[in-house]
Amino acid sequence: MTARWVVDEVAAERDLSITWQPISLLFKNEPPEDTPYYESTSKTHKMLRVMEAVKAAGQENKVFDLYWEFGSRIHHDGDRDFDIADALATVGLAASYAEAASDEKWDIPIREKMDDGLSLVGDDVGTPIIAWNRSDGDRVALFGPVITRVPQKEDALKLWDAMTMLGDVDGFWELKKTRTERPEFGDRPT
C-alpha cells in the first residue's frame, strides 16, 4: 500500500526519484525453519534475489514493474506459488532471471542494502522504510507509513509532507496507533 501511495499519488507531485532497495524479512526476523512464516519469507526472499539480479544487469527501470507484478499476484490474485519466470515474462524480462531465486550470491547485496536502510532507522522496525535527504541535506529514514488504503490526491500529499516534516525534527522517533482494519488493495494495478 505504501509503494502504491508513493508511486501513484506522490512521486509526480513532489518530483521524486525513487530507488527501490530490498529488505528481507527472512534475514530480518530469522523465523524458525519449521514455521509457516519461514516458508512465506523464504519465498519473498527469493523474489528479492531475482530483483537484485535484474538491477545488476542494468534493468533498474524494470525493478518496480517486477515488484508490482509480484505484489499483484500475491495480494490481488491470492497466488503465493506463482511461477517467477512467468512474472518476469509478464513485465518483459527474460525468464532466465528466475535462476537467481536459488542463487545465494544475491544475499550479499540484499544484506548490504538492507543494513544501509536499517542503519538510518534502527533494528526494531519492519517494512516499509522510506529514506530521503532532509532539508539540511542529512539522510534520514522512517519506518512506515503503514497504511491500509492508498490516500488520494490531497490527503496523499498531506501524508507525504507530514512524514518529511517529522523527519526534519531532531529527536522525533515514533508515532503509532493500533491497526483495526485489514489492507484494502483496490483494483489490480495494470
N, C-alpha and C. Protein backbone atom coordinates (compact mmCIF):
# COMPACT_ATOMS: atom_id res chain seq x y z
N MET A 1 0.82 -1.19 0.00
CA MET A 1 0.00 0.00 0.00
C MET A 1 0.87 1.26 0.00
N THR A 2 1.95 1.21 0.77
CA THR A 2 2.83 2.38 0.84
C THR A 2 3.48 2.64 -0.51
N ALA A 3 3.89 1.58 -1.20
CA ALA A 3 4.50 1.75 -2.52
C ALA A 3 3.50 2.36 -3.49
N ARG A 4 2.28 1.87 -3.47
CA ARG A 4 1.25 2.43 -4.36
C ARG A 4 1.01 3.90 -4.03
N TRP A 5 0.98 4.25 -2.76
CA TRP A 5 0.79 5.63 -2.34
C TRP A 5 1.89 6.53 -2.92
N VAL A 6 3.14 6.11 -2.71
CA VAL A 6 4.26 6.94 -3.17
C VAL A 6 4.27 7.03 -4.70
N VAL A 7 4.13 5.89 -5.37
CA VAL A 7 4.23 5.88 -6.84
C VAL A 7 3.01 6.52 -7.50
N ASP A 8 1.82 6.11 -7.08
CA ASP A 8 0.60 6.55 -7.76
C ASP A 8 0.20 7.98 -7.42
N GLU A 9 0.46 8.40 -6.20
CA GLU A 9 -0.10 9.68 -5.75
C GLU A 9 0.93 10.76 -5.43
N VAL A 10 2.16 10.38 -5.08
CA VAL A 10 3.09 11.38 -4.56
C VAL A 10 4.24 11.70 -5.52
N ALA A 11 4.83 10.69 -6.13
CA ALA A 11 6.08 10.86 -6.88
C ALA A 11 6.04 12.01 -7.87
N ALA A 12 5.04 12.05 -8.72
CA ALA A 12 4.98 13.10 -9.74
C ALA A 12 4.75 14.48 -9.12
N GLU A 13 3.92 14.54 -8.08
CA GLU A 13 3.58 15.82 -7.45
C GLU A 13 4.73 16.41 -6.64
N ARG A 14 5.63 15.54 -6.15
CA ARG A 14 6.76 16.01 -5.34
C ARG A 14 8.10 15.78 -6.04
N ASP A 15 8.04 15.49 -7.34
CA ASP A 15 9.22 15.32 -8.18
C ASP A 15 10.23 14.36 -7.54
N LEU A 16 9.74 13.18 -7.17
CA LEU A 16 10.59 12.18 -6.51
C LEU A 16 11.26 11.28 -7.53
N SER A 17 12.49 10.96 -7.26
CA SER A 17 13.22 9.92 -7.99
C SER A 17 13.37 8.76 -7.01
N ILE A 18 12.77 7.64 -7.33
CA ILE A 18 12.69 6.52 -6.38
C ILE A 18 13.70 5.44 -6.73
N THR A 19 14.45 5.01 -5.73
CA THR A 19 15.33 3.86 -5.86
C THR A 19 14.82 2.80 -4.91
N TRP A 20 14.49 1.63 -5.45
CA TRP A 20 13.95 0.54 -4.63
C TRP A 20 15.09 -0.26 -4.05
N GLN A 21 15.06 -0.47 -2.73
CA GLN A 21 16.08 -1.26 -2.05
C GLN A 21 15.40 -2.41 -1.31
N PRO A 22 16.10 -3.52 -1.19
CA PRO A 22 15.48 -4.69 -0.56
C PRO A 22 15.52 -4.65 0.96
N ILE A 23 14.51 -5.26 1.55
CA ILE A 23 14.57 -5.64 2.97
C ILE A 23 14.01 -7.05 3.01
N SER A 24 14.80 -7.94 3.53
CA SER A 24 14.42 -9.34 3.60
C SER A 24 13.87 -9.66 4.99
N LEU A 25 12.59 -9.99 5.04
CA LEU A 25 12.02 -10.36 6.33
C LEU A 25 12.55 -11.72 6.79
N LEU A 26 13.05 -12.52 5.86
CA LEU A 26 13.72 -13.77 6.23
C LEU A 26 14.98 -13.46 7.02
N PHE A 27 15.79 -12.55 6.53
CA PHE A 27 17.01 -12.16 7.25
C PHE A 27 16.69 -11.35 8.50
N LYS A 28 15.74 -10.45 8.39
CA LYS A 28 15.43 -9.54 9.50
C LYS A 28 14.85 -10.27 10.70
N ASN A 29 13.90 -11.18 10.45
CA ASN A 29 13.19 -11.81 11.56
C ASN A 29 13.70 -13.20 11.91
N GLU A 30 14.50 -13.81 11.03
CA GLU A 30 15.09 -15.13 11.26
C GLU A 30 14.09 -16.13 11.84
N PRO A 31 12.99 -16.37 11.13
CA PRO A 31 11.98 -17.31 11.66
C PRO A 31 12.50 -18.75 11.67
N PRO A 32 12.05 -19.55 12.61
CA PRO A 32 12.44 -20.97 12.62
C PRO A 32 11.97 -21.65 11.33
N GLU A 33 12.80 -22.56 10.82
CA GLU A 33 12.52 -23.20 9.54
C GLU A 33 11.25 -24.05 9.54
N ASP A 34 10.80 -24.47 10.70
CA ASP A 34 9.62 -25.35 10.75
C ASP A 34 8.31 -24.57 10.94
N THR A 35 8.32 -23.27 10.58
CA THR A 35 7.12 -22.46 10.75
C THR A 35 6.59 -21.98 9.39
N PRO A 36 5.29 -21.72 9.30
CA PRO A 36 4.72 -21.17 8.06
C PRO A 36 5.34 -19.81 7.69
N TYR A 37 5.73 -19.02 8.69
CA TYR A 37 6.33 -17.72 8.42
C TYR A 37 7.66 -17.88 7.70
N TYR A 38 8.41 -18.91 8.05
CA TYR A 38 9.67 -19.18 7.35
C TYR A 38 9.39 -19.43 5.87
N GLU A 39 8.40 -20.23 5.58
CA GLU A 39 8.07 -20.56 4.20
C GLU A 39 7.70 -19.31 3.40
N SER A 40 6.86 -18.46 3.99
CA SER A 40 6.42 -17.26 3.25
C SER A 40 7.57 -16.27 3.08
N THR A 41 8.39 -16.07 4.10
CA THR A 41 9.51 -15.12 3.97
C THR A 41 10.60 -15.68 3.07
N SER A 42 10.74 -16.98 3.02
CA SER A 42 11.70 -17.60 2.11
C SER A 42 11.29 -17.36 0.66
N LYS A 43 10.00 -17.46 0.39
CA LYS A 43 9.52 -17.22 -0.98
C LYS A 43 9.74 -15.77 -1.40
N THR A 44 9.42 -14.83 -0.53
CA THR A 44 9.61 -13.43 -0.90
C THR A 44 11.10 -13.08 -0.97
N HIS A 45 11.91 -13.75 -0.17
CA HIS A 45 13.36 -13.53 -0.24
C HIS A 45 13.88 -13.94 -1.61
N LYS A 46 13.37 -15.04 -2.13
CA LYS A 46 13.79 -15.49 -3.46
C LYS A 46 13.40 -14.45 -4.52
N MET A 47 12.28 -13.79 -4.33
CA MET A 47 11.88 -12.72 -5.25
C MET A 47 12.85 -11.55 -5.17
N LEU A 48 13.33 -11.25 -3.97
CA LEU A 48 14.33 -10.18 -3.82
C LEU A 48 15.60 -10.53 -4.58
N ARG A 49 16.01 -11.79 -4.52
CA ARG A 49 17.19 -12.20 -5.27
C ARG A 49 17.01 -11.92 -6.76
N VAL A 50 15.85 -12.23 -7.27
CA VAL A 50 15.57 -12.00 -8.69
C VAL A 50 15.62 -10.51 -8.99
N MET A 51 15.04 -9.69 -8.14
CA MET A 51 15.06 -8.24 -8.38
C MET A 51 16.48 -7.70 -8.34
N GLU A 52 17.32 -8.24 -7.45
CA GLU A 52 18.72 -7.81 -7.40
C GLU A 52 19.46 -8.21 -8.67
N ALA A 53 19.16 -9.38 -9.21
CA ALA A 53 19.78 -9.80 -10.47
C ALA A 53 19.36 -8.88 -11.61
N VAL A 54 18.11 -8.48 -11.61
CA VAL A 54 17.61 -7.57 -12.63
C VAL A 54 18.33 -6.22 -12.52
N LYS A 55 18.47 -5.72 -11.28
CA LYS A 55 19.20 -4.45 -11.07
C LYS A 55 20.64 -4.56 -11.56
N ALA A 56 21.30 -5.63 -11.17
CA ALA A 56 22.71 -5.81 -11.50
C ALA A 56 22.93 -5.89 -13.01
N ALA A 57 21.91 -6.29 -13.74
CA ALA A 57 22.01 -6.38 -15.20
C ALA A 57 21.67 -5.05 -15.87
N GLY A 58 21.54 -3.99 -15.08
CA GLY A 58 21.27 -2.68 -15.64
C GLY A 58 19.82 -2.43 -15.99
N GLN A 59 18.92 -3.20 -15.38
CA GLN A 59 17.49 -3.07 -15.67
C GLN A 59 16.75 -2.42 -14.50
N GLU A 60 17.38 -1.45 -13.85
CA GLU A 60 16.77 -0.77 -12.70
C GLU A 60 15.36 -0.27 -13.02
N ASN A 61 15.15 0.17 -14.26
CA ASN A 61 13.84 0.69 -14.65
C ASN A 61 12.76 -0.39 -14.65
N LYS A 62 13.14 -1.65 -14.61
CA LYS A 62 12.17 -2.75 -14.61
C LYS A 62 11.91 -3.31 -13.20
N VAL A 63 12.70 -2.90 -12.23
CA VAL A 63 12.56 -3.45 -10.87
C VAL A 63 11.19 -3.14 -10.29
N PHE A 64 10.74 -1.91 -10.45
CA PHE A 64 9.43 -1.57 -9.91
C PHE A 64 8.33 -2.35 -10.62
N ASP A 65 8.42 -2.50 -11.93
CA ASP A 65 7.42 -3.29 -12.66
C ASP A 65 7.35 -4.71 -12.12
N LEU A 66 8.51 -5.27 -11.84
CA LEU A 66 8.57 -6.63 -11.32
C LEU A 66 8.01 -6.70 -9.90
N TYR A 67 8.38 -5.72 -9.08
CA TYR A 67 7.84 -5.64 -7.71
C TYR A 67 6.32 -5.57 -7.76
N TRP A 68 5.80 -4.73 -8.66
CA TRP A 68 4.35 -4.57 -8.82
C TRP A 68 3.70 -5.88 -9.23
N GLU A 69 4.35 -6.59 -10.16
CA GLU A 69 3.80 -7.86 -10.64
C GLU A 69 3.81 -8.90 -9.52
N PHE A 70 4.90 -9.01 -8.81
CA PHE A 70 4.97 -9.95 -7.68
C PHE A 70 3.87 -9.61 -6.66
N GLY A 71 3.79 -8.34 -6.27
CA GLY A 71 2.80 -7.92 -5.28
C GLY A 71 1.38 -8.14 -5.74
N SER A 72 1.10 -7.89 -7.01
CA SER A 72 -0.25 -8.08 -7.54
C SER A 72 -0.65 -9.55 -7.51
N ARG A 73 0.29 -10.41 -7.86
CA ARG A 73 -0.01 -11.84 -7.83
C ARG A 73 -0.29 -12.31 -6.40
N ILE A 74 0.49 -11.81 -5.46
CA ILE A 74 0.30 -12.21 -4.05
C ILE A 74 -0.97 -11.60 -3.48
N HIS A 75 -1.10 -10.28 -3.56
CA HIS A 75 -2.17 -9.58 -2.85
C HIS A 75 -3.50 -9.51 -3.59
N HIS A 76 -3.47 -9.37 -4.90
CA HIS A 76 -4.72 -9.28 -5.66
C HIS A 76 -5.21 -10.63 -6.12
N ASP A 77 -4.28 -11.48 -6.57
CA ASP A 77 -4.66 -12.78 -7.10
C ASP A 77 -4.68 -13.87 -6.04
N GLY A 78 -4.10 -13.59 -4.86
CA GLY A 78 -4.03 -14.60 -3.80
C GLY A 78 -3.15 -15.78 -4.16
N ASP A 79 -2.17 -15.56 -5.03
CA ASP A 79 -1.29 -16.63 -5.51
C ASP A 79 0.11 -16.44 -4.96
N ARG A 80 0.48 -17.26 -4.00
CA ARG A 80 1.82 -17.21 -3.42
C ARG A 80 2.77 -18.22 -4.05
N ASP A 81 2.24 -19.06 -4.94
CA ASP A 81 3.05 -20.11 -5.55
C ASP A 81 3.20 -19.92 -7.05
N PHE A 82 3.14 -18.69 -7.52
CA PHE A 82 3.23 -18.43 -8.95
C PHE A 82 4.64 -18.72 -9.46
N ASP A 83 4.72 -18.88 -10.76
CA ASP A 83 5.99 -19.13 -11.44
C ASP A 83 6.70 -17.79 -11.66
N ILE A 84 7.87 -17.64 -11.05
CA ILE A 84 8.62 -16.39 -11.16
C ILE A 84 8.97 -16.09 -12.62
N ALA A 85 9.29 -17.13 -13.39
CA ALA A 85 9.62 -16.92 -14.81
C ALA A 85 8.43 -16.32 -15.56
N ASP A 86 7.23 -16.74 -15.20
CA ASP A 86 6.03 -16.19 -15.83
C ASP A 86 5.86 -14.71 -15.47
N ALA A 87 6.12 -14.37 -14.21
CA ALA A 87 6.03 -12.97 -13.79
C ALA A 87 7.06 -12.12 -14.52
N LEU A 88 8.26 -12.65 -14.69
CA LEU A 88 9.29 -11.94 -15.44
C LEU A 88 8.84 -11.67 -16.87
N ALA A 89 8.29 -12.69 -17.51
CA ALA A 89 7.82 -12.54 -18.89
C ALA A 89 6.71 -11.50 -18.99
N THR A 90 5.85 -11.46 -17.98
CA THR A 90 4.73 -10.51 -17.98
C THR A 90 5.23 -9.06 -18.04
N VAL A 91 6.37 -8.78 -17.41
CA VAL A 91 6.90 -7.41 -17.41
C VAL A 91 7.99 -7.20 -18.46
N GLY A 92 8.15 -8.19 -19.34
CA GLY A 92 9.09 -8.02 -20.45
C GLY A 92 10.53 -8.32 -20.12
N LEU A 93 10.77 -9.15 -19.11
CA LEU A 93 12.13 -9.55 -18.75
C LEU A 93 12.35 -11.02 -19.09
N ALA A 94 13.60 -11.38 -19.32
CA ALA A 94 13.95 -12.75 -19.66
C ALA A 94 13.65 -13.70 -18.51
N ALA A 95 13.07 -14.83 -18.84
CA ALA A 95 12.76 -15.85 -17.83
C ALA A 95 14.01 -16.35 -17.14
N SER A 96 15.16 -16.20 -17.75
CA SER A 96 16.41 -16.69 -17.16
C SER A 96 16.75 -16.00 -15.84
N TYR A 97 16.21 -14.81 -15.60
CA TYR A 97 16.43 -14.16 -14.30
C TYR A 97 15.88 -14.98 -13.15
N ALA A 98 14.93 -15.87 -13.42
CA ALA A 98 14.34 -16.69 -12.37
C ALA A 98 15.38 -17.58 -11.69
N GLU A 99 16.47 -17.87 -12.39
CA GLU A 99 17.53 -18.70 -11.81
C GLU A 99 18.13 -18.04 -10.56
N ALA A 100 18.07 -16.72 -10.49
CA ALA A 100 18.62 -16.01 -9.34
C ALA A 100 17.89 -16.35 -8.05
N ALA A 101 16.66 -16.83 -8.14
CA ALA A 101 15.87 -17.14 -6.94
C ALA A 101 16.58 -18.14 -6.03
N SER A 102 17.35 -19.04 -6.61
CA SER A 102 18.03 -20.06 -5.80
C SER A 102 19.53 -19.79 -5.68
N ASP A 103 19.99 -18.63 -6.11
CA ASP A 103 21.42 -18.31 -6.09
C ASP A 103 21.75 -17.43 -4.87
N GLU A 104 22.44 -18.01 -3.90
CA GLU A 104 22.75 -17.31 -2.66
C GLU A 104 23.70 -16.13 -2.83
N LYS A 105 24.35 -16.01 -3.98
CA LYS A 105 25.26 -14.87 -4.16
C LYS A 105 24.52 -13.54 -4.06
N TRP A 106 23.21 -13.55 -4.33
CA TRP A 106 22.43 -12.32 -4.25
C TRP A 106 22.13 -11.92 -2.82
N ASP A 107 22.38 -12.82 -1.87
CA ASP A 107 22.14 -12.49 -0.46
C ASP A 107 23.09 -11.41 0.04
N ILE A 108 24.28 -11.34 -0.55
CA ILE A 108 25.26 -10.33 -0.12
C ILE A 108 24.74 -8.92 -0.39
N PRO A 109 24.36 -8.58 -1.63
CA PRO A 109 23.84 -7.21 -1.82
C PRO A 109 22.52 -6.97 -1.09
N ILE A 110 21.70 -8.01 -0.94
CA ILE A 110 20.45 -7.82 -0.18
C ILE A 110 20.77 -7.43 1.25
N ARG A 111 21.67 -8.15 1.89
CA ARG A 111 22.05 -7.82 3.28
C ARG A 111 22.66 -6.43 3.38
N GLU A 112 23.56 -6.10 2.45
CA GLU A 112 24.22 -4.80 2.49
C GLU A 112 23.21 -3.66 2.36
N LYS A 113 22.31 -3.76 1.41
CA LYS A 113 21.33 -2.70 1.19
C LYS A 113 20.33 -2.63 2.33
N MET A 114 19.94 -3.79 2.85
CA MET A 114 19.03 -3.83 3.99
C MET A 114 19.71 -3.18 5.20
N ASP A 115 20.97 -3.51 5.44
CA ASP A 115 21.70 -2.92 6.56
C ASP A 115 21.85 -1.41 6.41
N ASP A 116 22.03 -0.94 5.17
CA ASP A 116 22.10 0.51 4.95
C ASP A 116 20.81 1.19 5.41
N GLY A 117 19.68 0.62 5.02
CA GLY A 117 18.39 1.19 5.42
C GLY A 117 18.18 1.13 6.92
N LEU A 118 18.51 -0.02 7.51
CA LEU A 118 18.33 -0.16 8.96
C LEU A 118 19.28 0.74 9.74
N SER A 119 20.44 1.06 9.18
CA SER A 119 21.37 1.97 9.87
C SER A 119 20.76 3.36 10.01
N LEU A 120 19.84 3.70 9.13
CA LEU A 120 19.18 5.01 9.21
C LEU A 120 17.99 5.03 10.14
N VAL A 121 17.33 3.88 10.29
CA VAL A 121 16.05 3.86 11.01
C VAL A 121 16.07 3.00 12.27
N GLY A 122 17.03 2.08 12.40
CA GLY A 122 17.11 1.22 13.58
C GLY A 122 16.64 -0.19 13.29
N ASP A 123 16.95 -1.10 14.20
CA ASP A 123 16.66 -2.53 14.00
C ASP A 123 15.27 -2.95 14.44
N ASP A 124 14.58 -2.15 15.22
CA ASP A 124 13.30 -2.60 15.77
C ASP A 124 12.12 -2.17 14.91
N VAL A 125 12.31 -2.24 13.59
CA VAL A 125 11.26 -1.90 12.64
C VAL A 125 11.15 -3.01 11.61
N GLY A 126 10.16 -2.89 10.76
CA GLY A 126 10.00 -3.82 9.66
C GLY A 126 10.01 -3.06 8.35
N THR A 127 9.02 -3.34 7.55
CA THR A 127 8.91 -2.69 6.25
C THR A 127 7.51 -2.08 6.13
N PRO A 128 7.38 -0.94 5.52
CA PRO A 128 8.32 -0.24 4.66
C PRO A 128 9.23 0.72 5.42
N ILE A 129 10.34 1.01 4.81
CA ILE A 129 11.24 2.06 5.27
C ILE A 129 11.38 3.04 4.11
N ILE A 130 11.24 4.30 4.40
CA ILE A 130 11.42 5.33 3.39
C ILE A 130 12.56 6.23 3.85
N ALA A 131 13.54 6.44 2.97
CA ALA A 131 14.69 7.30 3.26
C ALA A 131 14.71 8.46 2.27
N TRP A 132 15.17 9.59 2.73
CA TRP A 132 15.30 10.78 1.87
C TRP A 132 16.30 11.72 2.51
N ASN A 133 16.65 12.78 1.79
CA ASN A 133 17.54 13.81 2.33
C ASN A 133 16.69 14.89 2.99
N ARG A 134 17.02 15.16 4.24
CA ARG A 134 16.32 16.21 4.97
C ARG A 134 16.62 17.57 4.36
N SER A 135 15.93 18.58 4.85
CA SER A 135 16.13 19.94 4.34
C SER A 135 17.56 20.43 4.60
N ASP A 136 18.24 19.88 5.63
CA ASP A 136 19.63 20.26 5.89
C ASP A 136 20.63 19.39 5.12
N GLY A 137 20.11 18.47 4.30
CA GLY A 137 20.97 17.62 3.48
C GLY A 137 21.32 16.28 4.09
N ASP A 138 21.09 16.12 5.40
CA ASP A 138 21.37 14.84 6.04
C ASP A 138 20.37 13.79 5.59
N ARG A 139 20.84 12.56 5.51
CA ARG A 139 19.97 11.43 5.13
C ARG A 139 19.19 11.00 6.36
N VAL A 140 17.90 10.74 6.18
CA VAL A 140 17.03 10.30 7.27
C VAL A 140 16.11 9.23 6.73
N ALA A 141 15.60 8.40 7.60
CA ALA A 141 14.62 7.38 7.20
C ALA A 141 13.62 7.20 8.33
N LEU A 142 12.42 6.78 7.94
CA LEU A 142 11.39 6.43 8.90
C LEU A 142 10.77 5.10 8.49
N PHE A 143 10.36 4.34 9.47
CA PHE A 143 9.57 3.15 9.22
C PHE A 143 8.16 3.61 8.94
N GLY A 144 7.58 3.10 7.85
CA GLY A 144 6.21 3.44 7.52
C GLY A 144 6.14 4.44 6.40
N PRO A 145 5.01 5.05 6.22
CA PRO A 145 3.80 4.81 7.00
C PRO A 145 3.16 3.48 6.63
N VAL A 146 2.59 2.85 7.63
CA VAL A 146 1.81 1.64 7.42
C VAL A 146 0.38 2.12 7.20
N ILE A 147 -0.13 1.86 6.00
CA ILE A 147 -1.46 2.33 5.64
C ILE A 147 -2.29 1.16 5.12
N THR A 148 -3.58 1.22 5.34
CA THR A 148 -4.45 0.13 4.89
C THR A 148 -5.13 0.42 3.56
N ARG A 149 -5.03 1.65 3.10
CA ARG A 149 -5.54 2.01 1.77
C ARG A 149 -4.71 3.19 1.27
N VAL A 150 -4.71 3.38 -0.02
CA VAL A 150 -3.94 4.47 -0.61
C VAL A 150 -4.73 5.77 -0.48
N PRO A 151 -4.19 6.74 0.25
CA PRO A 151 -4.88 8.03 0.31
C PRO A 151 -4.83 8.69 -1.06
N GLN A 152 -5.86 9.41 -1.39
CA GLN A 152 -5.97 10.01 -2.71
C GLN A 152 -5.59 11.48 -2.67
N LYS A 153 -5.08 11.94 -3.76
CA LYS A 153 -4.76 13.32 -4.09
C LYS A 153 -4.28 14.16 -2.91
N GLU A 154 -5.10 15.05 -2.42
CA GLU A 154 -4.69 15.99 -1.38
C GLU A 154 -4.25 15.28 -0.11
N ASP A 155 -4.97 14.24 0.31
CA ASP A 155 -4.59 13.50 1.52
C ASP A 155 -3.26 12.79 1.33
N ALA A 156 -3.00 12.28 0.13
CA ALA A 156 -1.73 11.61 -0.14
C ALA A 156 -0.57 12.58 0.03
N LEU A 157 -0.74 13.77 -0.46
CA LEU A 157 0.32 14.77 -0.35
C LEU A 157 0.47 15.28 1.08
N LYS A 158 -0.64 15.42 1.79
CA LYS A 158 -0.57 15.81 3.21
C LYS A 158 0.24 14.79 4.00
N LEU A 159 -0.02 13.50 3.74
CA LEU A 159 0.70 12.44 4.45
C LEU A 159 2.19 12.50 4.14
N TRP A 160 2.54 12.67 2.86
CA TRP A 160 3.94 12.77 2.48
C TRP A 160 4.61 13.97 3.16
N ASP A 161 3.96 15.12 3.06
CA ASP A 161 4.54 16.34 3.62
C ASP A 161 4.70 16.22 5.13
N ALA A 162 3.73 15.62 5.80
CA ALA A 162 3.83 15.44 7.26
C ALA A 162 5.00 14.52 7.60
N MET A 163 5.14 13.43 6.85
CA MET A 163 6.23 12.49 7.11
C MET A 163 7.58 13.17 6.94
N THR A 164 7.74 13.91 5.86
CA THR A 164 9.04 14.55 5.63
C THR A 164 9.29 15.67 6.64
N MET A 165 8.24 16.36 7.08
CA MET A 165 8.43 17.37 8.12
C MET A 165 8.87 16.73 9.43
N LEU A 166 8.25 15.61 9.79
CA LEU A 166 8.64 14.93 11.02
C LEU A 166 10.10 14.46 10.94
N GLY A 167 10.52 14.02 9.77
CA GLY A 167 11.90 13.59 9.59
C GLY A 167 12.90 14.72 9.74
N ASP A 168 12.46 15.95 9.59
CA ASP A 168 13.32 17.12 9.76
C ASP A 168 13.54 17.48 11.23
N VAL A 169 12.74 16.91 12.11
CA VAL A 169 12.80 17.27 13.53
C VAL A 169 13.76 16.33 14.26
N ASP A 170 14.88 16.90 14.75
CA ASP A 170 15.81 16.11 15.55
C ASP A 170 15.10 15.61 16.80
N GLY A 171 15.31 14.37 17.12
CA GLY A 171 14.69 13.80 18.32
C GLY A 171 13.35 13.14 18.07
N PHE A 172 12.75 13.32 16.87
CA PHE A 172 11.49 12.63 16.58
C PHE A 172 11.78 11.16 16.30
N TRP A 173 10.97 10.26 16.91
CA TRP A 173 11.20 8.83 16.72
C TRP A 173 9.98 8.06 16.26
N GLU A 174 8.82 8.31 16.82
CA GLU A 174 7.75 7.37 16.50
C GLU A 174 6.37 7.96 16.76
N LEU A 175 5.44 7.59 15.89
CA LEU A 175 4.01 7.75 16.08
C LEU A 175 3.42 6.36 15.86
N LYS A 176 2.37 6.01 16.58
CA LYS A 176 1.79 4.68 16.36
C LYS A 176 0.38 4.64 16.91
N LYS A 177 -0.46 3.87 16.22
CA LYS A 177 -1.75 3.51 16.77
C LYS A 177 -2.05 2.08 16.33
N THR A 178 -2.92 1.43 17.06
CA THR A 178 -3.25 0.04 16.76
C THR A 178 -4.03 -0.05 15.46
N ARG A 179 -3.63 -0.98 14.62
CA ARG A 179 -4.32 -1.20 13.35
C ARG A 179 -5.61 -1.95 13.62
N THR A 180 -6.70 -1.43 13.11
CA THR A 180 -8.01 -2.04 13.35
C THR A 180 -8.70 -2.50 12.07
N GLU A 181 -7.99 -2.43 10.95
CA GLU A 181 -8.57 -2.89 9.69
C GLU A 181 -7.50 -3.52 8.82
N ARG A 182 -7.94 -4.38 7.94
CA ARG A 182 -7.03 -5.06 7.02
C ARG A 182 -6.79 -4.17 5.80
N PRO A 183 -5.70 -4.41 5.10
CA PRO A 183 -5.44 -3.61 3.89
C PRO A 183 -6.53 -3.77 2.85
N GLU A 184 -6.81 -2.69 2.16
CA GLU A 184 -7.73 -2.67 1.04
C GLU A 184 -6.90 -2.43 -0.21
N PHE A 185 -6.58 -3.49 -0.94
CA PHE A 185 -5.63 -3.39 -2.04
C PHE A 185 -6.19 -2.70 -3.28
N GLY A 186 -7.49 -2.56 -3.37
CA GLY A 186 -8.06 -1.90 -4.53
C GLY A 186 -7.94 -2.76 -5.77
N ASP A 187 -8.12 -2.12 -6.92
CA ASP A 187 -8.01 -2.83 -8.19
C ASP A 187 -6.59 -3.29 -8.44
N ARG A 188 -6.46 -4.38 -9.19
CA ARG A 188 -5.15 -4.88 -9.56
C ARG A 188 -4.48 -3.84 -10.46
N PRO A 189 -3.23 -3.44 -10.14
CA PRO A 189 -2.54 -2.47 -11.00
C PRO A 189 -2.37 -3.01 -12.41
N THR A 190 -2.39 -2.12 -13.36
CA THR A 190 -2.19 -2.52 -14.75
C THR A 190 -0.85 -2.04 -15.26
